[in-house]
Amino acid sequence: MTMFEKEIKLLVMAALRDNPDTCTQPIRVQVRGRNVMLSGVVGSENTVLEAIITVESVSEFLNVYSRLLVREVETTPAHQVAAVAAV
């Protein structure tokens, strides 16, 4: 990793830490030249958008790519909830 890439990574990670929507999310950052790749599993689609916008705010010359996935919310079907409530 070049000094430029290290510097960009530090700036991107600081920006993600400073954003209340992304600071608690396990987002990994990889930098190759001007390309920034975000990966990990986050809580919502909004968090994905916030992460991308946050990285783009670091420099308009960065190419931001996201492999962020949204964590599925575990839901219980209504008929199972009704069966448990009836017991």
N, C-alpha and C. Protein backbone atom coordinates (compact mmCIF):
# COMPACT_ATOMS: atom_id res chain seq x y z
N MET A 1 0.86 -1.18 0.00
CA MET A 1 0.00 0.00 0.00
C MET A 1 0.90 1.24 0.00
N THR A 2 0.62 2.15 -0.90
CA THR A 2 1.43 3.37 -1.01
C THR A 2 1.06 4.34 0.12
N MET A 3 1.88 5.34 0.30
CA MET A 3 1.59 6.37 1.31
C MET A 3 0.28 7.08 0.97
N PHE A 4 0.04 7.32 -0.31
CA PHE A 4 -1.21 7.95 -0.74
C PHE A 4 -2.40 7.10 -0.32
N GLU A 5 -2.32 5.80 -0.57
CA GLU A 5 -3.42 4.89 -0.21
C GLU A 5 -3.63 4.83 1.30
N LYS A 6 -2.55 4.82 2.05
CA LYS A 6 -2.66 4.82 3.52
C LYS A 6 -3.34 6.09 4.01
N GLU A 7 -2.94 7.22 3.43
CA GLU A 7 -3.53 8.51 3.82
C GLU A 7 -5.02 8.55 3.49
N ILE A 8 -5.39 8.09 2.30
CA ILE A 8 -6.81 8.05 1.91
C ILE A 8 -7.58 7.15 2.85
N LYS A 9 -7.03 5.98 3.17
CA LYS A 9 -7.72 5.04 4.06
C LYS A 9 -7.95 5.67 5.43
N LEU A 10 -6.95 6.35 5.97
CA LEU A 10 -7.11 7.02 7.26
C LEU A 10 -8.18 8.10 7.21
N LEU A 11 -8.20 8.88 6.14
CA LEU A 11 -9.21 9.93 5.99
C LEU A 11 -10.61 9.34 5.86
N VAL A 12 -10.75 8.27 5.09
CA VAL A 12 -12.05 7.63 4.90
C VAL A 12 -12.54 7.03 6.21
N MET A 13 -11.66 6.33 6.92
CA MET A 13 -12.05 5.71 8.18
C MET A 13 -12.44 6.77 9.22
N ALA A 14 -11.72 7.88 9.24
CA ALA A 14 -12.06 8.97 10.16
C ALA A 14 -13.43 9.55 9.83
N ALA A 15 -13.71 9.73 8.54
CA ALA A 15 -15.00 10.27 8.12
C ALA A 15 -16.14 9.32 8.50
N LEU A 16 -15.94 8.02 8.31
CA LEU A 16 -16.97 7.04 8.69
C LEU A 16 -17.18 7.01 10.20
N ARG A 17 -16.10 7.18 10.97
CA ARG A 17 -16.20 7.23 12.44
C ARG A 17 -16.94 8.48 12.91
N ASP A 18 -16.77 9.58 12.19
CA ASP A 18 -17.40 10.85 12.57
C ASP A 18 -18.88 10.93 12.20
N ASN A 19 -19.34 10.04 11.35
CA ASN A 19 -20.74 10.04 10.92
C ASN A 19 -21.55 9.18 11.89
N PRO A 20 -22.56 9.76 12.56
CA PRO A 20 -23.35 8.98 13.53
C PRO A 20 -24.09 7.79 12.91
N ASP A 21 -24.35 7.84 11.61
CA ASP A 21 -25.04 6.72 10.95
C ASP A 21 -24.12 5.56 10.61
N THR A 22 -22.82 5.82 10.55
CA THR A 22 -21.88 4.76 10.16
C THR A 22 -20.88 4.38 11.25
N CYS A 23 -20.77 5.18 12.29
CA CYS A 23 -19.71 4.98 13.28
C CYS A 23 -19.79 3.65 14.03
N THR A 24 -20.97 3.08 14.17
CA THR A 24 -21.11 1.82 14.91
C THR A 24 -21.19 0.60 14.00
N GLN A 25 -21.07 0.82 12.71
CA GLN A 25 -21.21 -0.27 11.74
C GLN A 25 -19.85 -0.88 11.41
N PRO A 26 -19.81 -2.21 11.22
CA PRO A 26 -18.54 -2.89 10.89
C PRO A 26 -18.21 -2.77 9.40
N ILE A 27 -17.76 -1.59 9.01
CA ILE A 27 -17.45 -1.33 7.59
C ILE A 27 -15.94 -1.46 7.38
N ARG A 28 -15.57 -2.31 6.44
CA ARG A 28 -14.16 -2.47 6.08
C ARG A 28 -13.85 -1.57 4.89
N VAL A 29 -12.65 -1.01 4.90
CA VAL A 29 -12.23 -0.08 3.84
C VAL A 29 -10.97 -0.62 3.18
N GLN A 30 -11.00 -0.73 1.86
CA GLN A 30 -9.82 -1.09 1.08
C GLN A 30 -9.59 0.02 0.07
N VAL A 31 -8.32 0.36 -0.12
CA VAL A 31 -7.97 1.43 -1.07
C VAL A 31 -6.94 0.90 -2.05
N ARG A 32 -7.21 1.10 -3.32
CA ARG A 32 -6.28 0.78 -4.40
C ARG A 32 -6.25 1.99 -5.33
N GLY A 33 -5.19 2.74 -5.24
CA GLY A 33 -5.12 3.97 -6.04
C GLY A 33 -6.21 4.93 -5.59
N ARG A 34 -7.04 5.37 -6.53
CA ARG A 34 -8.15 6.26 -6.19
C ARG A 34 -9.45 5.50 -5.94
N ASN A 35 -9.39 4.17 -5.96
CA ASN A 35 -10.58 3.34 -5.77
C ASN A 35 -10.73 2.94 -4.31
N VAL A 36 -11.90 3.20 -3.76
CA VAL A 36 -12.20 2.84 -2.37
C VAL A 36 -13.32 1.81 -2.38
N MET A 37 -13.07 0.65 -1.76
CA MET A 37 -14.06 -0.42 -1.69
C MET A 37 -14.54 -0.54 -0.24
N LEU A 38 -15.86 -0.46 -0.07
CA LEU A 38 -16.47 -0.64 1.24
C LEU A 38 -17.09 -2.02 1.28
N SER A 39 -16.91 -2.74 2.39
CA SER A 39 -17.53 -4.05 2.52
C SER A 39 -17.93 -4.27 3.97
N GLY A 40 -18.84 -5.21 4.17
CA GLY A 40 -19.33 -5.53 5.50
C GLY A 40 -20.84 -5.68 5.48
N VAL A 41 -21.40 -5.91 6.65
CA VAL A 41 -22.84 -6.07 6.80
C VAL A 41 -23.34 -4.97 7.72
N VAL A 42 -24.27 -4.15 7.22
CA VAL A 42 -24.77 -3.00 7.98
C VAL A 42 -26.26 -3.16 8.27
N GLY A 43 -26.79 -2.27 9.09
CA GLY A 43 -28.16 -2.40 9.58
C GLY A 43 -29.27 -1.97 8.64
N SER A 44 -28.97 -1.11 7.66
CA SER A 44 -30.06 -0.63 6.80
C SER A 44 -29.53 -0.12 5.47
N GLU A 45 -30.46 0.03 4.53
CA GLU A 45 -30.11 0.61 3.22
C GLU A 45 -29.64 2.05 3.39
N ASN A 46 -30.23 2.76 4.34
CA ASN A 46 -29.83 4.14 4.61
C ASN A 46 -28.36 4.20 5.02
N THR A 47 -27.91 3.22 5.79
CA THR A 47 -26.51 3.19 6.22
C THR A 47 -25.59 3.00 5.02
N VAL A 48 -26.00 2.18 4.06
CA VAL A 48 -25.20 1.99 2.84
C VAL A 48 -25.05 3.33 2.12
N LEU A 49 -26.15 4.03 1.94
CA LEU A 49 -26.11 5.33 1.26
C LEU A 49 -25.27 6.34 2.04
N GLU A 50 -25.43 6.37 3.36
CA GLU A 50 -24.64 7.29 4.19
C GLU A 50 -23.15 7.00 4.07
N ALA A 51 -22.79 5.72 4.05
CA ALA A 51 -21.38 5.36 3.93
C ALA A 51 -20.80 5.84 2.60
N ILE A 52 -21.54 5.63 1.53
CA ILE A 52 -21.07 6.06 0.21
C ILE A 52 -20.93 7.58 0.15
N ILE A 53 -21.94 8.29 0.63
CA ILE A 53 -21.91 9.75 0.63
C ILE A 53 -20.76 10.26 1.49
N THR A 54 -20.54 9.62 2.62
CA THR A 54 -19.46 10.02 3.52
C THR A 54 -18.10 9.88 2.84
N VAL A 55 -17.88 8.76 2.18
CA VAL A 55 -16.60 8.56 1.49
C VAL A 55 -16.44 9.54 0.34
N GLU A 56 -17.51 9.78 -0.40
CA GLU A 56 -17.43 10.75 -1.50
C GLU A 56 -17.10 12.15 -1.00
N SER A 57 -17.48 12.45 0.24
CA SER A 57 -17.20 13.78 0.80
C SER A 57 -15.72 13.97 1.13
N VAL A 58 -14.97 12.89 1.24
CA VAL A 58 -13.54 12.99 1.53
C VAL A 58 -12.80 13.63 0.36
N SER A 59 -13.14 13.21 -0.85
CA SER A 59 -12.53 13.79 -2.05
C SER A 59 -13.39 13.46 -3.26
N GLU A 60 -13.59 14.44 -4.10
CA GLU A 60 -14.39 14.22 -5.30
C GLU A 60 -13.64 13.38 -6.32
N PHE A 61 -12.35 13.14 -6.09
CA PHE A 61 -11.54 12.38 -7.04
C PHE A 61 -11.49 10.89 -6.74
N LEU A 62 -12.20 10.45 -5.69
CA LEU A 62 -12.22 9.03 -5.34
C LEU A 62 -13.34 8.32 -6.08
N ASN A 63 -13.08 7.08 -6.45
CA ASN A 63 -14.11 6.20 -7.01
C ASN A 63 -14.55 5.29 -5.86
N VAL A 64 -15.82 5.35 -5.50
CA VAL A 64 -16.32 4.59 -4.36
C VAL A 64 -17.13 3.41 -4.86
N TYR A 65 -16.76 2.23 -4.36
CA TYR A 65 -17.48 1.00 -4.70
C TYR A 65 -17.98 0.38 -3.40
N SER A 66 -19.20 -0.09 -3.42
CA SER A 66 -19.79 -0.66 -2.21
C SER A 66 -20.14 -2.12 -2.40
N ARG A 67 -19.64 -2.92 -1.49
CA ARG A 67 -20.06 -4.32 -1.37
C ARG A 67 -20.76 -4.50 -0.03
N LEU A 68 -21.31 -3.41 0.47
CA LEU A 68 -22.01 -3.46 1.75
C LEU A 68 -23.31 -4.23 1.59
N LEU A 69 -23.58 -5.10 2.53
CA LEU A 69 -24.81 -5.87 2.55
C LEU A 69 -25.67 -5.40 3.71
N VAL A 70 -26.98 -5.47 3.55
CA VAL A 70 -27.90 -5.08 4.62
C VAL A 70 -28.29 -6.34 5.39
N ARG A 71 -28.12 -6.26 6.70
CA ARG A 71 -28.47 -7.36 7.59
C ARG A 71 -29.97 -7.60 7.50
N GLU A 72 -30.36 -8.85 7.31
CA GLU A 72 -31.78 -9.18 7.24
C GLU A 72 -32.39 -9.09 8.63
N VAL A 73 -33.56 -8.48 8.69
CA VAL A 73 -34.28 -8.38 9.96
C VAL A 73 -35.02 -9.69 10.15
N GLU A 74 -34.80 -10.29 11.32
CA GLU A 74 -35.48 -11.56 11.60
C GLU A 74 -36.93 -11.28 11.95
N THR A 75 -37.82 -11.89 11.21
CA THR A 75 -39.24 -11.70 11.47
C THR A 75 -39.89 -13.04 11.74
N THR A 76 -40.89 -13.01 12.57
CA THR A 76 -41.65 -14.22 12.88
C THR A 76 -43.00 -14.10 12.19
N PRO A 77 -43.39 -15.11 11.41
CA PRO A 77 -44.69 -15.05 10.74
C PRO A 77 -45.82 -14.87 11.75
N ALA A 78 -46.85 -14.14 11.35
CA ALA A 78 -47.97 -13.81 12.23
C ALA A 78 -48.64 -15.05 12.80
N HIS A 79 -48.74 -16.13 12.01
CA HIS A 79 -49.42 -17.33 12.52
C HIS A 79 -48.63 -17.98 13.65
N GLN A 80 -47.29 -17.85 13.64
CA GLN A 80 -46.49 -18.39 14.74
C GLN A 80 -46.65 -17.54 15.98
N VAL A 81 -46.73 -16.23 15.82
CA VAL A 81 -46.94 -15.34 16.96
C VAL A 81 -48.28 -15.64 17.60
N ALA A 82 -49.33 -15.83 16.79
CA ALA A 82 -50.67 -16.13 17.30
C ALA A 82 -50.68 -17.46 18.04
N ALA A 83 -49.95 -18.45 17.53
CA ALA A 83 -49.91 -19.76 18.18
C ALA A 83 -49.23 -19.67 19.54
N VAL A 84 -48.16 -18.90 19.63
CA VAL A 84 -47.47 -18.73 20.91
C VAL A 84 -48.36 -17.98 21.89
N ALA A 85 -49.07 -16.96 21.42
CA ALA A 85 -49.94 -16.17 22.29
C ALA A 85 -51.10 -17.01 22.82
N ALA A 86 -51.54 -17.99 22.04
CA ALA A 86 -52.68 -18.82 22.45
C ALA A 86 -52.29 -19.83 23.52
N VAL A 87 -51.02 -20.12 23.68
CA VAL A 87 -50.57 -21.14 24.64
C VAL A 87 -50.63 -20.65 26.04
